[in-house]
Amino acid sequence: MAHSVRISPCAILVLSALAADARRWRHGWSLASETGLKSGTIYPLLIRLAQAGLLEARWEASEGRGRPPRHAYRIVGPGLVLAKKFALSGKA
C-alpha cells in the first residue's frame, strides 16, 4: 500500500531517471551519478520512495569478492504515474 511522500525536486529527478527505463533495476550509485545528487540525499530518498510504494527494492548479491550485497531499485506503477505527471507539467 502506498504511503504519502513529499514529492521534492530531488524526488522528481530520481523518478524521472527511473522512468526512462522502467523495467531496469538501478543502484543508488548510478542514480546519484545520473542525477548529480549526493549519497546523503539519494539513499534516504530512495528508501522513502520505496516505503511510499513508488519504487520496489531488492537486495542483489555482490559482483566481486569482499563486496557487500546492495539494494537495487525499480519504479512501479504509482511512481511511473507521478513521473509522467511531472514530465507533462514541466515541473522539476
C-alpha atoms as a PDB file:
ATOM      1  CA  MET A   1       0.000   0.000   0.000  1.00  0.00           C
ATOM      2  CA  ALA A   2       1.345   3.413  -0.940  1.00  0.00           C
ATOM      3  CA  HIS A   3       2.112   5.929   1.779  1.00  0.00           C
ATOM      4  CA  SER A   4       2.283   9.667   1.489  1.00  0.00           C
ATOM      5  CA  VAL A   5       5.637  11.081   0.441  1.00  0.00           C
ATOM      6  CA  ARG A   6       6.613  14.663  -0.282  1.00  0.00           C
ATOM      7  CA  ILE A   7       7.481  14.987  -3.935  1.00  0.00           C
ATOM      8  CA  SER A   8      10.513  17.250  -3.868  1.00  0.00           C
ATOM      9  CA  PRO A   9      12.527  18.356  -6.891  1.00  0.00           C
ATOM     10  CA  CYS A  10      15.070  15.669  -5.943  1.00  0.00           C
ATOM     11  CA  ALA A  11      12.325  13.015  -5.905  1.00  0.00           C
ATOM     12  CA  ILE A  12      11.180  14.150  -9.332  1.00  0.00           C
ATOM     13  CA  LEU A  13      14.754  13.788 -10.646  1.00  0.00           C
ATOM     14  CA  VAL A  14      15.018  10.247  -9.312  1.00  0.00           C
ATOM     15  CA  LEU A  15      11.564   9.198 -10.508  1.00  0.00           C
ATOM     16  CA  SER A  16      12.290  10.638 -13.958  1.00  0.00           C
ATOM     17  CA  ALA A  17      15.626   8.808 -14.176  1.00  0.00           C
ATOM     18  CA  LEU A  18      13.985   5.526 -13.218  1.00  0.00           C
ATOM     19  CA  ALA A  19      11.006   6.104 -15.547  1.00  0.00           C
ATOM     20  CA  ALA A  20      13.336   6.473 -18.544  1.00  0.00           C
ATOM     21  CA  ASP A  21      13.783   2.680 -18.454  1.00  0.00           C
ATOM     22  CA  ALA A  22      11.077   1.437 -16.109  1.00  0.00           C
ATOM     23  CA  ARG A  23      11.974  -2.259 -16.376  1.00  0.00           C
ATOM     24  CA  ARG A  24      15.615  -1.764 -15.440  1.00  0.00           C
ATOM     25  CA  TRP A  25      16.872  -2.262 -11.875  1.00  0.00           C
ATOM     26  CA  ARG A  26      19.182   0.571 -10.811  1.00  0.00           C
ATOM     27  CA  HIS A  27      21.609   1.081  -7.938  1.00  0.00           C
ATOM     28  CA  GLY A  28      21.847   4.247  -5.869  1.00  0.00           C
ATOM     29  CA  TRP A  29      25.346   4.925  -7.165  1.00  0.00           C
ATOM     30  CA  SER A  30      24.272   5.029 -10.815  1.00  0.00           C
ATOM     31  CA  LEU A  31      21.249   7.168  -9.966  1.00  0.00           C
ATOM     32  CA  ALA A  32      23.441   9.559  -7.982  1.00  0.00           C
ATOM     33  CA  SER A  33      25.826   9.848 -10.931  1.00  0.00           C
ATOM     34  CA  GLU A  34      22.984  10.476 -13.372  1.00  0.00           C
ATOM     35  CA  THR A  35      21.071  12.986 -11.252  1.00  0.00           C
ATOM     36  CA  GLY A  36      24.014  14.706  -9.568  1.00  0.00           C
ATOM     37  CA  LEU A  37      22.540  14.048  -6.114  1.00  0.00           C
ATOM     38  CA  LYS A  38      24.907  13.291  -3.253  1.00  0.00           C
ATOM     39  CA  SER A  39      24.734   9.995  -1.363  1.00  0.00           C
ATOM     40  CA  GLY A  40      23.360  11.711   1.748  1.00  0.00           C
ATOM     41  CA  THR A  41      20.405  12.833  -0.333  1.00  0.00           C
ATOM     42  CA  ILE A  42      19.758   9.972  -2.712  1.00  0.00           C
ATOM     43  CA  TYR A  43      19.881   6.968  -0.387  1.00  0.00           C
ATOM     44  CA  PRO A  44      17.358   8.296   2.176  1.00  0.00           C
ATOM     45  CA  LEU A  45      15.193   9.447  -0.739  1.00  0.00           C
ATOM     46  CA  LEU A  46      15.253   6.001  -2.364  1.00  0.00           C
ATOM     47  CA  ILE A  47      14.223   4.429   0.938  1.00  0.00           C
ATOM     48  CA  ARG A  48      11.327   6.881   1.355  1.00  0.00           C
ATOM     49  CA  LEU A  49      10.152   6.395  -2.230  1.00  0.00           C
ATOM     50  CA  ALA A  50      10.240   2.609  -1.803  1.00  0.00           C
ATOM     51  CA  GLN A  51       8.361   2.816   1.512  1.00  0.00           C
ATOM     52  CA  ALA A  52       5.754   5.005  -0.205  1.00  0.00           C
ATOM     53  CA  GLY A  53       5.161   2.311  -2.816  1.00  0.00           C
ATOM     54  CA  LEU A  54       6.609   4.329  -5.711  1.00  0.00           C
ATOM     55  CA  LEU A  55       9.635   2.036  -6.146  1.00  0.00           C
ATOM     56  CA  GLU A  56      10.389  -1.562  -5.432  1.00  0.00           C
ATOM     57  CA  ALA A  57      13.673  -2.541  -3.859  1.00  0.00           C
ATOM     58  CA  ARG A  58      15.595  -5.791  -3.718  1.00  0.00           C
ATOM     59  CA  TRP A  59      18.932  -6.993  -2.442  1.00  0.00           C
ATOM     60  CA  GLU A  60      21.429  -8.101  -5.047  1.00  0.00           C
ATOM     61  CA  ALA A  61      24.445 -10.264  -4.387  1.00  0.00           C
ATOM     62  CA  SER A  62      27.809  -8.586  -4.697  1.00  0.00           C
ATOM     63  CA  GLU A  63      29.579  -8.678  -8.017  1.00  0.00           C
ATOM     64  CA  GLY A  64      33.020  -9.137  -6.540  1.00  0.00           C
ATOM     65  CA  ARG A  65      34.718 -10.865  -3.692  1.00  0.00           C
ATOM     66  CA  GLY A  66      34.661  -8.881  -0.459  1.00  0.00           C
ATOM     67  CA  ARG A  67      31.939  -6.534  -1.678  1.00  0.00           C
ATOM     68  CA  PRO A  68      28.669  -6.422   0.252  1.00  0.00           C
ATOM     69  CA  PRO A  69      25.263  -7.030  -1.297  1.00  0.00           C
ATOM     70  CA  ARG A  70      23.446  -3.867  -2.290  1.00  0.00           C
ATOM     71  CA  HIS A  71      19.970  -2.598  -2.998  1.00  0.00           C
ATOM     72  CA  ALA A  72      18.612  -2.172  -6.497  1.00  0.00           C
ATOM     73  CA  TYR A  73      15.550  -0.077  -7.245  1.00  0.00           C
ATOM     74  CA  ARG A  74      12.919  -0.071  -9.966  1.00  0.00           C
ATOM     75  CA  ILE A  75       9.975   2.254 -10.465  1.00  0.00           C
ATOM     76  CA  VAL A  76       6.483   0.755 -10.141  1.00  0.00           C
ATOM     77  CA  GLY A  77       3.030   1.879 -11.298  1.00  0.00           C
ATOM     78  CA  PRO A  78       2.303   4.754  -8.888  1.00  0.00           C
ATOM     79  CA  GLY A  79       5.845   6.110  -9.279  1.00  0.00           C
ATOM     80  CA  LEU A  80       5.592   5.914 -13.053  1.00  0.00           C
ATOM     81  CA  VAL A  81       2.284   7.804 -12.977  1.00  0.00           C
ATOM     82  CA  LEU A  82       3.896  10.559 -10.884  1.00  0.00           C
ATOM     83  CA  ALA A  83       6.971  10.733 -13.125  1.00  0.00           C
ATOM     84  CA  LYS A  84       4.768  11.106 -16.202  1.00  0.00           C
ATOM     85  CA  LYS A  85       2.610  13.705 -14.452  1.00  0.00           C
ATOM     86  CA  PHE A  86       5.634  15.850 -13.600  1.00  0.00           C
ATOM     87  CA  ALA A  87       7.141  15.372 -17.078  1.00  0.00           C
ATOM     88  CA  LEU A  88       3.908  16.623 -18.664  1.00  0.00           C
ATOM     89  CA  SER A  89       3.615  19.554 -16.289  1.00  0.00           C
ATOM     90  CA  GLY A  90       7.233  20.594 -16.849  1.00  0.00           C
ATOM     91  CA  LYS A  91       7.917  20.766 -13.104  1.00  0.00           C
ATOM     92  CA  ALA A  92      11.270  19.633 -11.766  1.00  0.00           C
END
